[in-house]
Structures are given as C-alpha cells and as structure tokens.
Amino acid sequence: MHRNILAAAAASLAFAAPAMAQDEVTLQLKWVTQAQFAGYYVALENGYYDEADLDVTILPGGPDIAPTQVIAGGGADVIVEWMPAALAARENGLPLVNVAQPFKASGMMLTCWGDVGIEEPADLANRTLGVWFFGNEYPFLSWMSQLGIDTDGADENGVEVLKQGFNVDPLLQRQADCISTMTYNEYWQVIDAGVAPEELVTFQYENQGVATLEDGLYVLEDDLEDEAFVDKMARFVDASMQGWKWAEENPEEAAMIVLDYDETGAQTEQHQIRMMEEVAKLTAGTEGALDEADYERTVETLLAGGSDPVITKEPEGAFTHAVTDKALAD
C-alpha cells in the first residue's frame, strides 16, 4: 500500500512538472504560402520540428515583404532567400550567411512567344523583356552582360526591360516578348491561360550557364557565434530536410499540407500538386549542405556583370558548413 501511495505521488509530481520549453525559431519565407516551401510546412505538420524540440513559426512572404529587411529588423531568426540578393545585401552591410541549401538547382527561366522570331539567346536583343526586381533581377542582368546586351533600351544591342509584376499578364497581353517565370509556377500559369507549350520558347538559366542558387537558408553572422544558436539551427535544418525528402516522395500529400496552411485561400489543388512535382526536381539530390562548386558558379556569374555587376568583389564568410555538418552528424 505504501509503495502504491509513493508511486501515485511520484506520478502526480511528474505530471505537474512543466515540460521543457522548446526553442523558438521564426522562419521568414521569400514568397507566399505555396509548394515552393513545402518542406517547412511538412516538417511543421508531421511533427519533425516538435521532435527536434523546436517551436517553429513560419511567416509567409509577399510582394511587399523583403526577407533581408525582416531579418535585419529582428523579425526572423532565419530566412529563405536567393543567393544573389543575399550576397548583394552582404556587400551592402547586412552580414547574411548561408547555413543550408535545400534547393540544388535553379527553377528560373525566360518564357517567350515562339512567333516573334526568338530561337536563341542572341535573338533577345531589340526585344521587350519582363523582369522581376526586388533582388530577383540579378541573374538576368548577369546573363545580359555575358551576352553583351545592354539593358537601357531596345535596339540592336539592347533590350527594353519591363519591370514585371508577379503575374504573367505582360506576356499574355503581348506587352513583352518574354517574361520571367519559374519552372514550378508562372510557366504553368501561362499554360493554364490557354497557351500551348509549342507556342512558347523557354530559356532555363541552368542551361545558359548563369544559374544562381535559390531558396537557401540565411542567418545573421553574429548569431553564429552563439553555440546554442548553431545547435538550434542544426536541429532546424535536419527537421526541415526531413520535411523536404518526405515532400519529394509524397508530392500530392505535401501539396495538401501546403493548402491547409494557405490562409488566403488563393492556391488551388491542381496548381500546388504540379508545383510540388516541379520543386521536387530542384531539391532532389541534396541533404541540405551547400555545394561549394554551386556557390563558386553563383559568385562568378554575379561578378560577371560588366559595368554593373551584382557584387564587386569576392565575398568572404558568406557561407558556413558548421550547421549542416552538425545536422548531418546528428
């Protein structure tokens, strides 16, 4: 009887004891809730972050949200950003460091009407091209520089750059001969608008030798001096990559998870499933560690900007393997 009373008391104390507090992590996405970020939502939904003792908040992005500004203002611990924008920000005084690279390949491309006489990159001269800005223009500008095409106006040696909104209207309305698209998003918006693939000509940046790394994870350099922060980020990266690999293997289920977290209701099932299938091609073949050869190719592309390079000197300390080494070791 005495033992039973002691056991009950111990159980009562154990139940009353507060649970160990999870480490909080705030992630700022580069864009709105969609399958481009499925790995993080899967990790949240499937409990991978909980298993890593993390309390993760995912902040959607949007046209008026710059991840670099959010982290600079203390609004996030880690951001999803494209490397051109991150390296440009670093050169301008914001000490961002790449701690993981879930996306191995670039999904960026230029999508053109096939009936305007564009068959190869040299044919882009004397055209109007839709280009995204807010840091997304850097790979395009580097590409044009390497082609010897200026971006000050349409003539035999230059192009007219149309500051493109985040839609495909300039192409559909024939305001531009080509527009910026992603393999997993805007290209399919053009197709869904009734355009047949054979009516289009596409140039993938990967195939033009100017692909730059997209959707890496970046933190502030000073935070990496804290071992507890590095440990927290290692657990975050490990759990996130579990989410990405699950999403690659289960694209339809991953898309459904993304839709559950889309508070705007703007996304559709068909588009998100297709997006996830395309995104899976970009995250395949990596466990999240940055490939230095991919980094060096990105830097070389950005430095080759002619009179207007994206960055003016070789970056120092712009990436670390400390987080992924710890994540993969664990």
C-alpha atoms as a PDB file:
ATOM      1  CA  MET A   1       0.000   0.000   0.000  1.00  0.00           C
ATOM      2  CA  HIS A   2       2.829   2.370   0.964  1.00  0.00           C
ATOM      3  CA  ARG A   3       4.559   1.722  -2.346  1.00  0.00           C
ATOM      4  CA  ASN A   4       1.370   2.457  -4.255  1.00  0.00           C
ATOM      5  CA  ILE A   5       0.966   5.785  -2.459  1.00  0.00           C
ATOM      6  CA  LEU A   6       4.579   6.747  -3.248  1.00  0.00           C
ATOM      7  CA  ALA A   7       4.167   5.731  -6.858  1.00  0.00           C
ATOM      8  CA  ALA A   8       0.989   7.770  -7.172  1.00  0.00           C
ATOM      9  CA  ALA A   9       2.668  10.773  -5.606  1.00  0.00           C
ATOM     10  CA  ALA A  10       5.637  10.458  -7.953  1.00  0.00           C
ATOM     11  CA  ALA A  11       3.332  10.195 -10.947  1.00  0.00           C
ATOM     12  CA  SER A  12       1.425  13.254  -9.760  1.00  0.00           C
ATOM     13  CA  LEU A  13       4.648  15.254  -9.408  1.00  0.00           C
ATOM     14  CA  ALA A  14       5.836  14.122 -12.816  1.00  0.00           C
ATOM     15  CA  PHE A  15       2.560  15.190 -14.372  1.00  0.00           C
ATOM     16  CA  ALA A  16       2.704  18.555 -12.647  1.00  0.00           C
ATOM     17  CA  ALA A  17       6.312  19.235 -13.668  1.00  0.00           C
ATOM     18  CA  PRO A  18       6.483  21.747 -16.511  1.00  0.00           C
ATOM     19  CA  ALA A  19       7.560  20.394 -19.875  1.00  0.00           C
ATOM     20  CA  MET A  20      10.936  21.516 -21.172  1.00  0.00           C
ATOM     21  CA  ALA A  21      10.415  24.660 -23.215  1.00  0.00           C
ATOM     22  CA  GLN A  22      11.024  24.241 -26.921  1.00  0.00           C
ATOM     23  CA  ASP A  23      13.497  26.525 -28.655  1.00  0.00           C
ATOM     24  CA  GLU A  24      11.679  29.120 -30.739  1.00  0.00           C
ATOM     25  CA  VAL A  25      12.575  29.628 -34.389  1.00  0.00           C
ATOM     26  CA  THR A  26      10.967  32.165 -36.710  1.00  0.00           C
ATOM     27  CA  LEU A  27      11.372  31.473 -40.429  1.00  0.00           C
ATOM     28  CA  GLN A  28      10.633  34.186 -42.986  1.00  0.00           C
ATOM     29  CA  LEU A  29       9.720  32.833 -46.418  1.00  0.00           C
ATOM     30  CA  LYS A  30      10.649  34.563 -49.655  1.00  0.00           C
ATOM     31  CA  TRP A  31       7.129  34.401 -51.053  1.00  0.00           C
ATOM     32  CA  VAL A  32       3.550  33.456 -50.213  1.00  0.00           C
ATOM     33  CA  THR A  33       2.487  30.091 -48.824  1.00  0.00           C
ATOM     34  CA  GLN A  34       2.902  27.615 -51.679  1.00  0.00           C
ATOM     35  CA  ALA A  35       4.631  24.324 -52.513  1.00  0.00           C
ATOM     36  CA  GLN A  36       7.888  26.196 -53.129  1.00  0.00           C
ATOM     37  CA  PHE A  37       8.207  25.985 -49.332  1.00  0.00           C
ATOM     38  CA  ALA A  38       6.526  22.615 -48.804  1.00  0.00           C
ATOM     39  CA  GLY A  39       9.398  21.099 -46.834  1.00  0.00           C
ATOM     40  CA  TYR A  40       8.936  23.543 -43.980  1.00  0.00           C
ATOM     41  CA  TYR A  41       5.183  23.103 -43.778  1.00  0.00           C
ATOM     42  CA  VAL A  42       5.574  19.317 -43.920  1.00  0.00           C
ATOM     43  CA  ALA A  43       8.128  19.443 -41.098  1.00  0.00           C
ATOM     44  CA  LEU A  44       5.687  21.513 -39.066  1.00  0.00           C
ATOM     45  CA  GLU A  45       2.648  19.350 -39.825  1.00  0.00           C
ATOM     46  CA  ASN A  46       4.405  15.978 -39.477  1.00  0.00           C
ATOM     47  CA  GLY A  47       5.935  16.879 -36.131  1.00  0.00           C
ATOM     48  CA  TYR A  48       9.582  16.896 -37.215  1.00  0.00           C
ATOM     49  CA  TYR A  49      10.138  20.255 -35.538  1.00  0.00           C
ATOM     50  CA  ASP A  50       8.442  19.047 -32.358  1.00  0.00           C
ATOM     51  CA  GLU A  51      10.720  16.005 -32.334  1.00  0.00           C
ATOM     52  CA  ALA A  52      13.677  18.381 -32.573  1.00  0.00           C
ATOM     53  CA  ASP A  53      12.379  20.391 -29.578  1.00  0.00           C
ATOM     54  CA  LEU A  54      11.616  23.360 -31.768  1.00  0.00           C
ATOM     55  CA  ASP A  55       8.672  25.734 -31.741  1.00  0.00           C
ATOM     56  CA  VAL A  56       8.744  26.997 -35.335  1.00  0.00           C
ATOM     57  CA  THR A  57       6.759  29.946 -36.671  1.00  0.00           C
ATOM     58  CA  ILE A  58       6.601  30.240 -40.468  1.00  0.00           C
ATOM     59  CA  LEU A  59       5.981  33.743 -41.800  1.00  0.00           C
ATOM     60  CA  PRO A  60       4.688  33.923 -45.398  1.00  0.00           C
ATOM     61  CA  GLY A  61       6.258  36.453 -47.707  1.00  0.00           C
ATOM     62  CA  GLY A  62       4.721  38.563 -50.428  1.00  0.00           C
ATOM     63  CA  PRO A  63       5.362  41.367 -52.903  1.00  0.00           C
ATOM     64  CA  ASP A  64       5.838  43.925 -50.131  1.00  0.00           C
ATOM     65  CA  ILE A  65       7.987  41.738 -47.861  1.00  0.00           C
ATOM     66  CA  ALA A  66      11.772  41.619 -48.263  1.00  0.00           C
ATOM     67  CA  PRO A  67      13.250  38.782 -46.170  1.00  0.00           C
ATOM     68  CA  THR A  68      16.536  40.659 -45.825  1.00  0.00           C
ATOM     69  CA  GLN A  69      14.739  43.612 -44.237  1.00  0.00           C
ATOM     70  CA  VAL A  70      12.775  41.324 -41.920  1.00  0.00           C
ATOM     71  CA  ILE A  71      15.878  39.632 -40.516  1.00  0.00           C
ATOM     72  CA  ALA A  72      17.746  42.938 -40.337  1.00  0.00           C
ATOM     73  CA  GLY A  73      14.930  44.274 -38.174  1.00  0.00           C
ATOM     74  CA  GLY A  74      14.965  41.274 -35.853  1.00  0.00           C
ATOM     75  CA  GLY A  75      11.726  39.817 -37.199  1.00  0.00           C
ATOM     76  CA  ALA A  76      13.157  36.405 -38.042  1.00  0.00           C
ATOM     77  CA  ASP A  77      15.949  34.048 -36.990  1.00  0.00           C
ATOM     78  CA  VAL A  78      16.396  32.572 -40.453  1.00  0.00           C
ATOM     79  CA  ILE A  79      15.149  33.488 -43.913  1.00  0.00           C
ATOM     80  CA  VAL A  80      14.641  31.817 -47.270  1.00  0.00           C
ATOM     81  CA  GLU A  81      16.421  33.937 -49.876  1.00  0.00           C
ATOM     82  CA  TRP A  82      18.077  33.688 -53.275  1.00  0.00           C
ATOM     83  CA  MET A  83      21.863  33.877 -53.131  1.00  0.00           C
ATOM     84  CA  PRO A  84      22.220  36.887 -55.493  1.00  0.00           C
ATOM     85  CA  ALA A  85      20.066  39.012 -53.190  1.00  0.00           C
ATOM     86  CA  ALA A  86      21.801  37.650 -50.098  1.00  0.00           C
ATOM     87  CA  LEU A  87      25.311  38.346 -51.420  1.00  0.00           C
ATOM     88  CA  ALA A  88      24.300  41.813 -52.604  1.00  0.00           C
ATOM     89  CA  ALA A  89      22.869  42.534 -49.156  1.00  0.00           C
ATOM     90  CA  ARG A  90      26.054  41.242 -47.525  1.00  0.00           C
ATOM     91  CA  GLU A  91      28.226  43.522 -49.652  1.00  0.00           C
ATOM     92  CA  ASN A  92      25.955  46.407 -48.680  1.00  0.00           C
ATOM     93  CA  GLY A  93      26.444  45.801 -44.971  1.00  0.00           C
ATOM     94  CA  LEU A  94      23.926  43.145 -43.899  1.00  0.00           C
ATOM     95  CA  PRO A  95      26.082  40.177 -42.787  1.00  0.00           C
ATOM     96  CA  LEU A  96      23.966  37.283 -44.074  1.00  0.00           C
ATOM     97  CA  VAL A  97      25.455  33.796 -44.036  1.00  0.00           C
ATOM     98  CA  ASN A  98      24.162  30.778 -45.928  1.00  0.00           C
ATOM     99  CA  VAL A  99      23.802  27.893 -43.451  1.00  0.00           C
ATOM    100  CA  ALA A 100      21.979  25.398 -45.720  1.00  0.00           C
ATOM    101  CA  GLN A 101      20.936  24.993 -49.342  1.00  0.00           C
ATOM    102  CA  PRO A 102      17.814  22.815 -49.762  1.00  0.00           C
ATOM    103  CA  PHE A 103      17.480  23.789 -53.458  1.00  0.00           C
ATOM    104  CA  LYS A 104      20.202  22.206 -55.589  1.00  0.00           C
ATOM    105  CA  ALA A 105      19.059  23.591 -58.956  1.00  0.00           C
ATOM    106  CA  SER A 106      17.538  26.831 -60.231  1.00  0.00           C
ATOM    107  CA  GLY A 107      13.945  26.980 -61.444  1.00  0.00           C
ATOM    108  CA  MET A 108      14.262  30.362 -63.112  1.00  0.00           C
ATOM    109  CA  MET A 109      13.732  30.817 -66.822  1.00  0.00           C
ATOM    110  CA  LEU A 110      12.689  33.281 -69.504  1.00  0.00           C
ATOM    111  CA  THR A 111       9.494  32.307 -71.318  1.00  0.00           C
ATOM    112  CA  CYS A 112       8.964  33.837 -74.777  1.00  0.00           C
ATOM    113  CA  TRP A 113       6.393  33.785 -77.520  1.00  0.00           C
ATOM    114  CA  GLY A 114       7.527  31.430 -80.261  1.00  0.00           C
ATOM    115  CA  ASP A 115       6.077  33.529 -83.081  1.00  0.00           C
ATOM    116  CA  VAL A 116       8.270  36.616 -82.624  1.00  0.00           C
ATOM    117  CA  GLY A 117      11.456  35.125 -84.055  1.00  0.00           C
ATOM    118  CA  ILE A 118      13.307  34.260 -80.863  1.00  0.00           C
ATOM    119  CA  GLU A 119      15.149  30.978 -81.231  1.00  0.00           C
ATOM    120  CA  GLU A 120      18.374  31.548 -79.291  1.00  0.00           C
ATOM    121  CA  PRO A 121      19.623  33.994 -76.646  1.00  0.00           C
ATOM    122  CA  ALA A 122      21.195  36.289 -79.239  1.00  0.00           C
ATOM    123  CA  ASP A 123      17.693  36.901 -80.606  1.00  0.00           C
ATOM    124  CA  LEU A 124      16.692  38.599 -77.350  1.00  0.00           C
ATOM    125  CA  ALA A 125      18.264  41.871 -78.486  1.00  0.00           C
ATOM    126  CA  ASN A 126      15.830  44.594 -79.541  1.00  0.00           C
ATOM    127  CA  ARG A 127      13.026  42.974 -77.517  1.00  0.00           C
ATOM    128  CA  THR A 128      10.934  43.909 -74.509  1.00  0.00           C
ATOM    129  CA  LEU A 129      11.579  41.508 -71.651  1.00  0.00           C
ATOM    130  CA  GLY A 130       9.657  41.250 -68.411  1.00  0.00           C
ATOM    131  CA  VAL A 131      11.969  41.070 -65.412  1.00  0.00           C
ATOM    132  CA  TRP A 132      11.272  40.691 -61.704  1.00  0.00           C
ATOM    133  CA  PHE A 133      13.042  43.092 -59.386  1.00  0.00           C
ATOM    134  CA  PHE A 134      13.394  43.167 -55.575  1.00  0.00           C
ATOM    135  CA  GLY A 135      16.650  41.206 -55.893  1.00  0.00           C
ATOM    136  CA  ASN A 136      15.368  38.757 -58.492  1.00  0.00           C
ATOM    137  CA  GLU A 137      16.798  40.789 -61.367  1.00  0.00           C
ATOM    138  CA  TYR A 138      20.429  39.965 -60.583  1.00  0.00           C
ATOM    139  CA  PRO A 139      20.733  36.682 -62.525  1.00  0.00           C
ATOM    140  CA  PHE A 140      19.050  38.306 -65.526  1.00  0.00           C
ATOM    141  CA  LEU A 141      21.398  41.291 -65.519  1.00  0.00           C
ATOM    142  CA  SER A 142      24.419  38.992 -65.300  1.00  0.00           C
ATOM    143  CA  TRP A 143      23.110  36.935 -68.217  1.00  0.00           C
ATOM    144  CA  MET A 144      22.569  40.002 -70.392  1.00  0.00           C
ATOM    145  CA  SER A 145      26.051  41.249 -69.562  1.00  0.00           C
ATOM    146  CA  GLN A 146      27.582  37.949 -70.611  1.00  0.00           C
ATOM    147  CA  LEU A 147      25.608  38.094 -73.870  1.00  0.00           C
ATOM    148  CA  GLY A 148      26.860  41.635 -74.479  1.00  0.00           C
ATOM    149  CA  ILE A 149      23.313  43.003 -74.462  1.00  0.00           C
ATOM    150  CA  ASP A 150      22.708  46.242 -72.593  1.00  0.00           C
ATOM    151  CA  THR A 151      19.520  46.855 -70.638  1.00  0.00           C
ATOM    152  CA  ASP A 152      18.985  50.561 -71.335  1.00  0.00           C
ATOM    153  CA  GLY A 153      16.532  50.215 -74.215  1.00  0.00           C
ATOM    154  CA  ALA A 154      15.546  48.103 -77.179  1.00  0.00           C
ATOM    155  CA  ASP A 155      17.930  48.376 -80.116  1.00  0.00           C
ATOM    156  CA  GLU A 156      20.207  46.008 -81.994  1.00  0.00           C
ATOM    157  CA  ASN A 157      22.471  45.815 -78.943  1.00  0.00           C
ATOM    158  CA  GLY A 158      19.979  46.236 -76.150  1.00  0.00           C
ATOM    159  CA  VAL A 159      16.689  45.224 -74.591  1.00  0.00           C
ATOM    160  CA  GLU A 160      13.820  47.136 -73.064  1.00  0.00           C
ATOM    161  CA  VAL A 161      13.361  45.901 -69.513  1.00  0.00           C
ATOM    162  CA  LEU A 162       9.762  45.872 -68.338  1.00  0.00           C
ATOM    163  CA  LYS A 163       9.528  45.839 -64.564  1.00  0.00           C
ATOM    164  CA  GLN A 164       7.337  42.791 -64.245  1.00  0.00           C
ATOM    165  CA  GLY A 165       4.765  42.321 -61.546  1.00  0.00           C
ATOM    166  CA  PHE A 166       4.312  38.894 -60.032  1.00  0.00           C
ATOM    167  CA  ASN A 167       1.963  37.672 -62.740  1.00  0.00           C
ATOM    168  CA  VAL A 168       2.113  36.647 -66.395  1.00  0.00           C
ATOM    169  CA  ASP A 169      -0.069  39.405 -67.855  1.00  0.00           C
ATOM    170  CA  PRO A 170       2.715  41.159 -69.814  1.00  0.00           C
ATOM    171  CA  LEU A 171       3.193  38.041 -71.946  1.00  0.00           C
ATOM    172  CA  LEU A 172      -0.483  37.198 -72.349  1.00  0.00           C
ATOM    173  CA  GLN A 173      -1.287  40.794 -73.293  1.00  0.00           C
ATOM    174  CA  ARG A 174       1.698  40.994 -75.662  1.00  0.00           C
ATOM    175  CA  GLN A 175       3.274  43.825 -73.692  1.00  0.00           C
ATOM    176  CA  ALA A 176       6.505  41.818 -73.616  1.00  0.00           C
ATOM    177  CA  ASP A 177       8.076  39.267 -75.945  1.00  0.00           C
ATOM    178  CA  CYS A 178       9.375  37.307 -72.959  1.00  0.00           C
ATOM    179  CA  ILE A 179       8.779  37.275 -69.216  1.00  0.00           C
ATOM    180  CA  SER A 180      10.432  35.848 -66.143  1.00  0.00           C
ATOM    181  CA  THR A 181       8.910  32.573 -64.987  1.00  0.00           C
ATOM    182  CA  MET A 182       9.714  29.740 -62.630  1.00  0.00           C
ATOM    183  CA  THR A 183       9.572  26.149 -63.821  1.00  0.00           C
ATOM    184  CA  TYR A 184       7.188  25.375 -60.979  1.00  0.00           C
ATOM    185  CA  ASN A 185       4.899  28.394 -61.057  1.00  0.00           C
ATOM    186  CA  GLU A 186       4.441  31.140 -63.645  1.00  0.00           C
ATOM    187  CA  TYR A 187       5.208  28.938 -66.658  1.00  0.00           C
ATOM    188  CA  TRP A 188       2.184  26.843 -65.746  1.00  0.00           C
ATOM    189  CA  GLN A 189       0.087  29.946 -65.262  1.00  0.00           C
ATOM    190  CA  VAL A 190       0.759  30.727 -68.927  1.00  0.00           C
ATOM    191  CA  ILE A 191      -0.249  27.194 -69.905  1.00  0.00           C
ATOM    192  CA  ASP A 192      -3.370  27.371 -67.749  1.00  0.00           C
ATOM    193  CA  ALA A 193      -4.322  30.584 -69.554  1.00  0.00           C
ATOM    194  CA  GLY A 194      -4.766  28.523 -72.714  1.00  0.00           C
ATOM    195  CA  VAL A 195      -1.331  28.805 -74.317  1.00  0.00           C
ATOM    196  CA  ALA A 196       0.047  25.556 -75.753  1.00  0.00           C
ATOM    197  CA  PRO A 197       3.649  24.611 -74.838  1.00  0.00           C
ATOM    198  CA  GLU A 198       4.578  24.522 -78.530  1.00  0.00           C
ATOM    199  CA  GLU A 199       3.666  28.202 -78.797  1.00  0.00           C
ATOM    200  CA  LEU A 200       6.458  29.075 -76.378  1.00  0.00           C
ATOM    201  CA  VAL A 201      10.237  29.171 -76.345  1.00  0.00           C
ATOM    202  CA  THR A 202      11.938  28.891 -72.966  1.00  0.00           C
ATOM    203  CA  PHE A 203      15.472  29.545 -71.761  1.00  0.00           C
ATOM    204  CA  GLN A 204      16.322  27.952 -68.426  1.00  0.00           C
ATOM    205  CA  TYR A 205      19.076  29.755 -66.559  1.00  0.00           C
ATOM    206  CA  GLU A 206      20.551  26.364 -65.651  1.00  0.00           C
ATOM    207  CA  ASN A 207      21.116  25.693 -69.351  1.00  0.00           C
ATOM    208  CA  GLN A 208      22.579  29.145 -70.053  1.00  0.00           C
ATOM    209  CA  GLY A 209      25.447  28.799 -67.603  1.00  0.00           C
ATOM    210  CA  VAL A 210      24.186  31.640 -65.422  1.00  0.00           C
ATOM    211  CA  ALA A 211      22.084  29.758 -62.903  1.00  0.00           C
ATOM    212  CA  THR A 212      22.429  31.122 -59.391  1.00  0.00           C
ATOM    213  CA  LEU A 213      21.391  29.422 -56.184  1.00  0.00           C
ATOM    214  CA  GLU A 214      17.841  29.939 -54.989  1.00  0.00           C
ATOM    215  CA  ASP A 215      15.930  29.369 -51.758  1.00  0.00           C
ATOM    216  CA  GLY A 216      18.862  28.953 -49.398  1.00  0.00           C
ATOM    217  CA  LEU A 217      18.609  29.410 -45.634  1.00  0.00           C
ATOM    218  CA  TYR A 218      20.364  32.504 -44.270  1.00  0.00           C
ATOM    219  CA  VAL A 219      21.060  33.820 -40.779  1.00  0.00           C
ATOM    220  CA  LEU A 220      22.976  36.784 -39.388  1.00  0.00           C
ATOM    221  CA  GLU A 221      26.689  36.236 -38.915  1.00  0.00           C
ATOM    222  CA  ASP A 222      26.802  37.402 -35.290  1.00  0.00           C
ATOM    223  CA  ASP A 223      24.213  34.791 -34.295  1.00  0.00           C
ATOM    224  CA  LEU A 224      26.581  32.026 -35.370  1.00  0.00           C
ATOM    225  CA  GLU A 225      28.971  32.981 -32.583  1.00  0.00           C
ATOM    226  CA  ASP A 226      26.418  31.525 -30.152  1.00  0.00           C
ATOM    227  CA  GLU A 227      26.843  27.731 -29.922  1.00  0.00           C
ATOM    228  CA  ALA A 228      23.268  27.348 -28.718  1.00  0.00           C
ATOM    229  CA  PHE A 229      22.039  29.130 -31.841  1.00  0.00           C
ATOM    230  CA  VAL A 230      24.161  26.887 -34.083  1.00  0.00           C
ATOM    231  CA  ASP A 231      22.734  23.839 -32.324  1.00  0.00           C
ATOM    232  CA  LYS A 232      19.204  25.185 -32.766  1.00  0.00           C
ATOM    233  CA  MET A 233      19.792  25.838 -36.458  1.00  0.00           C
ATOM    234  CA  ALA A 234      21.273  22.354 -36.927  1.00  0.00           C
ATOM    235  CA  ARG A 235      18.112  20.829 -35.487  1.00  0.00           C
ATOM    236  CA  PHE A 236      16.011  23.138 -37.628  1.00  0.00           C
ATOM    237  CA  VAL A 237      17.873  22.210 -40.825  1.00  0.00           C
ATOM    238  CA  ASP A 238      17.750  18.497 -40.036  1.00  0.00           C
ATOM    239  CA  ALA A 239      13.997  18.591 -39.393  1.00  0.00           C
ATOM    240  CA  SER A 240      13.396  20.779 -42.452  1.00  0.00           C
ATOM    241  CA  MET A 241      15.303  18.395 -44.716  1.00  0.00           C
ATOM    242  CA  GLN A 242      13.225  15.520 -43.354  1.00  0.00           C
ATOM    243  CA  GLY A 243      10.248  17.566 -44.461  1.00  0.00           C
ATOM    244  CA  TRP A 244      11.736  18.138 -47.907  1.00  0.00           C
ATOM    245  CA  LYS A 245      12.559  14.492 -48.501  1.00  0.00           C
ATOM    246  CA  TRP A 246       9.061  13.450 -47.407  1.00  0.00           C
ATOM    247  CA  ALA A 247       7.603  16.068 -49.753  1.00  0.00           C
ATOM    248  CA  GLU A 248       9.697  14.772 -52.658  1.00  0.00           C
ATOM    249  CA  GLU A 249       8.364  11.263 -52.096  1.00  0.00           C
ATOM    250  CA  ASN A 250       4.779  12.341 -51.403  1.00  0.00           C
ATOM    251  CA  PRO A 251       4.111  15.351 -53.662  1.00  0.00           C
ATOM    252  CA  GLU A 252       0.317  15.171 -53.598  1.00  0.00           C
ATOM    253  CA  GLU A 253       0.134  14.817 -49.817  1.00  0.00           C
ATOM    254  CA  ALA A 254       2.701  17.604 -49.398  1.00  0.00           C
ATOM    255  CA  ALA A 255       0.635  19.893 -51.619  1.00  0.00           C
ATOM    256  CA  MET A 256      -2.415  19.203 -49.479  1.00  0.00           C
ATOM    257  CA  ILE A 257      -0.470  20.175 -46.362  1.00  0.00           C
ATOM    258  CA  VAL A 258       0.549  23.453 -48.004  1.00  0.00           C
ATOM    259  CA  LEU A 259      -3.062  24.165 -48.904  1.00  0.00           C
ATOM    260  CA  ASP A 260      -4.074  23.628 -45.268  1.00  0.00           C
ATOM    261  CA  TYR A 261      -1.656  26.395 -44.231  1.00  0.00           C
ATOM    262  CA  ASP A 262      -2.685  28.817 -47.006  1.00  0.00           C
ATOM    263  CA  GLU A 263      -4.829  31.254 -45.066  1.00  0.00           C
ATOM    264  CA  THR A 264      -5.541  33.329 -48.169  1.00  0.00           C
ATOM    265  CA  GLY A 265      -7.347  30.534 -49.980  1.00  0.00           C
ATOM    266  CA  ALA A 266      -5.680  31.739 -53.175  1.00  0.00           C
ATOM    267  CA  GLN A 267      -3.955  28.465 -54.075  1.00  0.00           C
ATOM    268  CA  THR A 268      -5.570  25.610 -55.985  1.00  0.00           C
ATOM    269  CA  GLU A 269      -5.068  21.882 -55.591  1.00  0.00           C
ATOM    270  CA  GLN A 270      -4.053  21.263 -59.193  1.00  0.00           C
ATOM    271  CA  HIS A 271      -1.501  24.071 -59.252  1.00  0.00           C
ATOM    272  CA  GLN A 272       0.059  23.127 -55.913  1.00  0.00           C
ATOM    273  CA  ILE A 273       0.423  19.458 -56.798  1.00  0.00           C
ATOM    274  CA  ARG A 274       2.069  20.371 -60.082  1.00  0.00           C
ATOM    275  CA  MET A 275       4.274  22.899 -58.316  1.00  0.00           C
ATOM    276  CA  MET A 276       5.381  20.329 -55.779  1.00  0.00           C
ATOM    277  CA  GLU A 277       6.262  17.868 -58.527  1.00  0.00           C
ATOM    278  CA  GLU A 278       8.423  20.507 -60.219  1.00  0.00           C
ATOM    279  CA  VAL A 279      10.005  21.742 -56.985  1.00  0.00           C
ATOM    280  CA  ALA A 280      10.952  18.162 -56.117  1.00  0.00           C
ATOM    281  CA  LYS A 281      13.232  18.181 -59.173  1.00  0.00           C
ATOM    282  CA  LEU A 282      15.105  21.161 -57.697  1.00  0.00           C
ATOM    283  CA  THR A 283      15.545  19.760 -54.175  1.00  0.00           C
ATOM    284  CA  ALA A 284      16.466  16.235 -55.293  1.00  0.00           C
ATOM    285  CA  GLY A 285      19.994  15.018 -54.731  1.00  0.00           C
ATOM    286  CA  THR A 286      20.918  17.108 -51.711  1.00  0.00           C
ATOM    287  CA  GLU A 287      20.738  16.681 -47.957  1.00  0.00           C
ATOM    288  CA  GLY A 288      20.877  20.442 -47.466  1.00  0.00           C
ATOM    289  CA  ALA A 289      24.614  21.137 -47.401  1.00  0.00           C
ATOM    290  CA  LEU A 290      25.812  23.872 -49.750  1.00  0.00           C
ATOM    291  CA  ASP A 291      27.885  22.572 -52.663  1.00  0.00           C
ATOM    292  CA  GLU A 292      30.904  24.865 -52.914  1.00  0.00           C
ATOM    293  CA  ALA A 293      31.061  24.416 -56.695  1.00  0.00           C
ATOM    294  CA  ASP A 294      27.495  25.740 -56.960  1.00  0.00           C
ATOM    295  CA  TYR A 295      28.438  28.640 -54.701  1.00  0.00           C
ATOM    296  CA  GLU A 296      31.504  29.488 -56.803  1.00  0.00           C
ATOM    297  CA  ARG A 297      29.463  29.353 -60.016  1.00  0.00           C
ATOM    298  CA  THR A 298      26.939  31.752 -58.492  1.00  0.00           C
ATOM    299  CA  VAL A 299      29.669  34.164 -57.409  1.00  0.00           C
ATOM    300  CA  GLU A 300      31.352  34.051 -60.822  1.00  0.00           C
ATOM    301  CA  THR A 301      28.039  34.769 -62.532  1.00  0.00           C
ATOM    302  CA  LEU A 302      27.326  37.719 -60.268  1.00  0.00           C
ATOM    303  CA  LEU A 303      30.806  39.194 -60.657  1.00  0.00           C
ATOM    304  CA  ALA A 304      30.494  38.982 -64.442  1.00  0.00           C
ATOM    305  CA  GLY A 305      28.124  41.908 -64.570  1.00  0.00           C
ATOM    306  CA  GLY A 306      30.220  44.141 -66.795  1.00  0.00           C
ATOM    307  CA  SER A 307      29.892  47.794 -65.814  1.00  0.00           C
ATOM    308  CA  ASP A 308      27.057  46.977 -63.403  1.00  0.00           C
ATOM    309  CA  PRO A 309      27.999  43.798 -61.509  1.00  0.00           C
ATOM    310  CA  VAL A 310      25.732  42.469 -58.796  1.00  0.00           C
ATOM    311  CA  ILE A 311      28.681  42.253 -56.428  1.00  0.00           C
ATOM    312  CA  THR A 312      32.016  43.960 -56.918  1.00  0.00           C
ATOM    313  CA  LYS A 313      34.352  41.604 -55.057  1.00  0.00           C
ATOM    314  CA  GLU A 314      34.672  38.008 -53.951  1.00  0.00           C
ATOM    315  CA  PRO A 315      32.592  37.574 -50.774  1.00  0.00           C
ATOM    316  CA  GLU A 316      34.248  36.397 -47.581  1.00  0.00           C
ATOM    317  CA  GLY A 317      32.448  34.409 -44.910  1.00  0.00           C
ATOM    318  CA  ALA A 318      29.211  34.282 -46.911  1.00  0.00           C
ATOM    319  CA  PHE A 319      28.527  30.637 -46.108  1.00  0.00           C
ATOM    320  CA  THR A 320      29.326  28.069 -43.436  1.00  0.00           C
ATOM    321  CA  HIS A 321      29.036  24.299 -43.194  1.00  0.00           C
ATOM    322  CA  ALA A 322      29.011  24.425 -39.395  1.00  0.00           C
ATOM    323  CA  VAL A 323      25.233  23.999 -39.229  1.00  0.00           C
ATOM    324  CA  THR A 324      24.832  21.283 -41.859  1.00  0.00           C
ATOM    325  CA  ASP A 325      27.914  19.398 -40.575  1.00  0.00           C
ATOM    326  CA  LYS A 326      26.278  19.233 -37.164  1.00  0.00           C
ATOM    327  CA  ALA A 327      22.853  18.435 -38.615  1.00  0.00           C
ATOM    328  CA  LEU A 328      24.146  15.576 -40.751  1.00  0.00           C
ATOM    329  CA  ALA A 329      26.381  14.250 -37.974  1.00  0.00           C
ATOM    330  CA  ASP A 330      23.457  14.041 -35.595  1.00  0.00           C
END
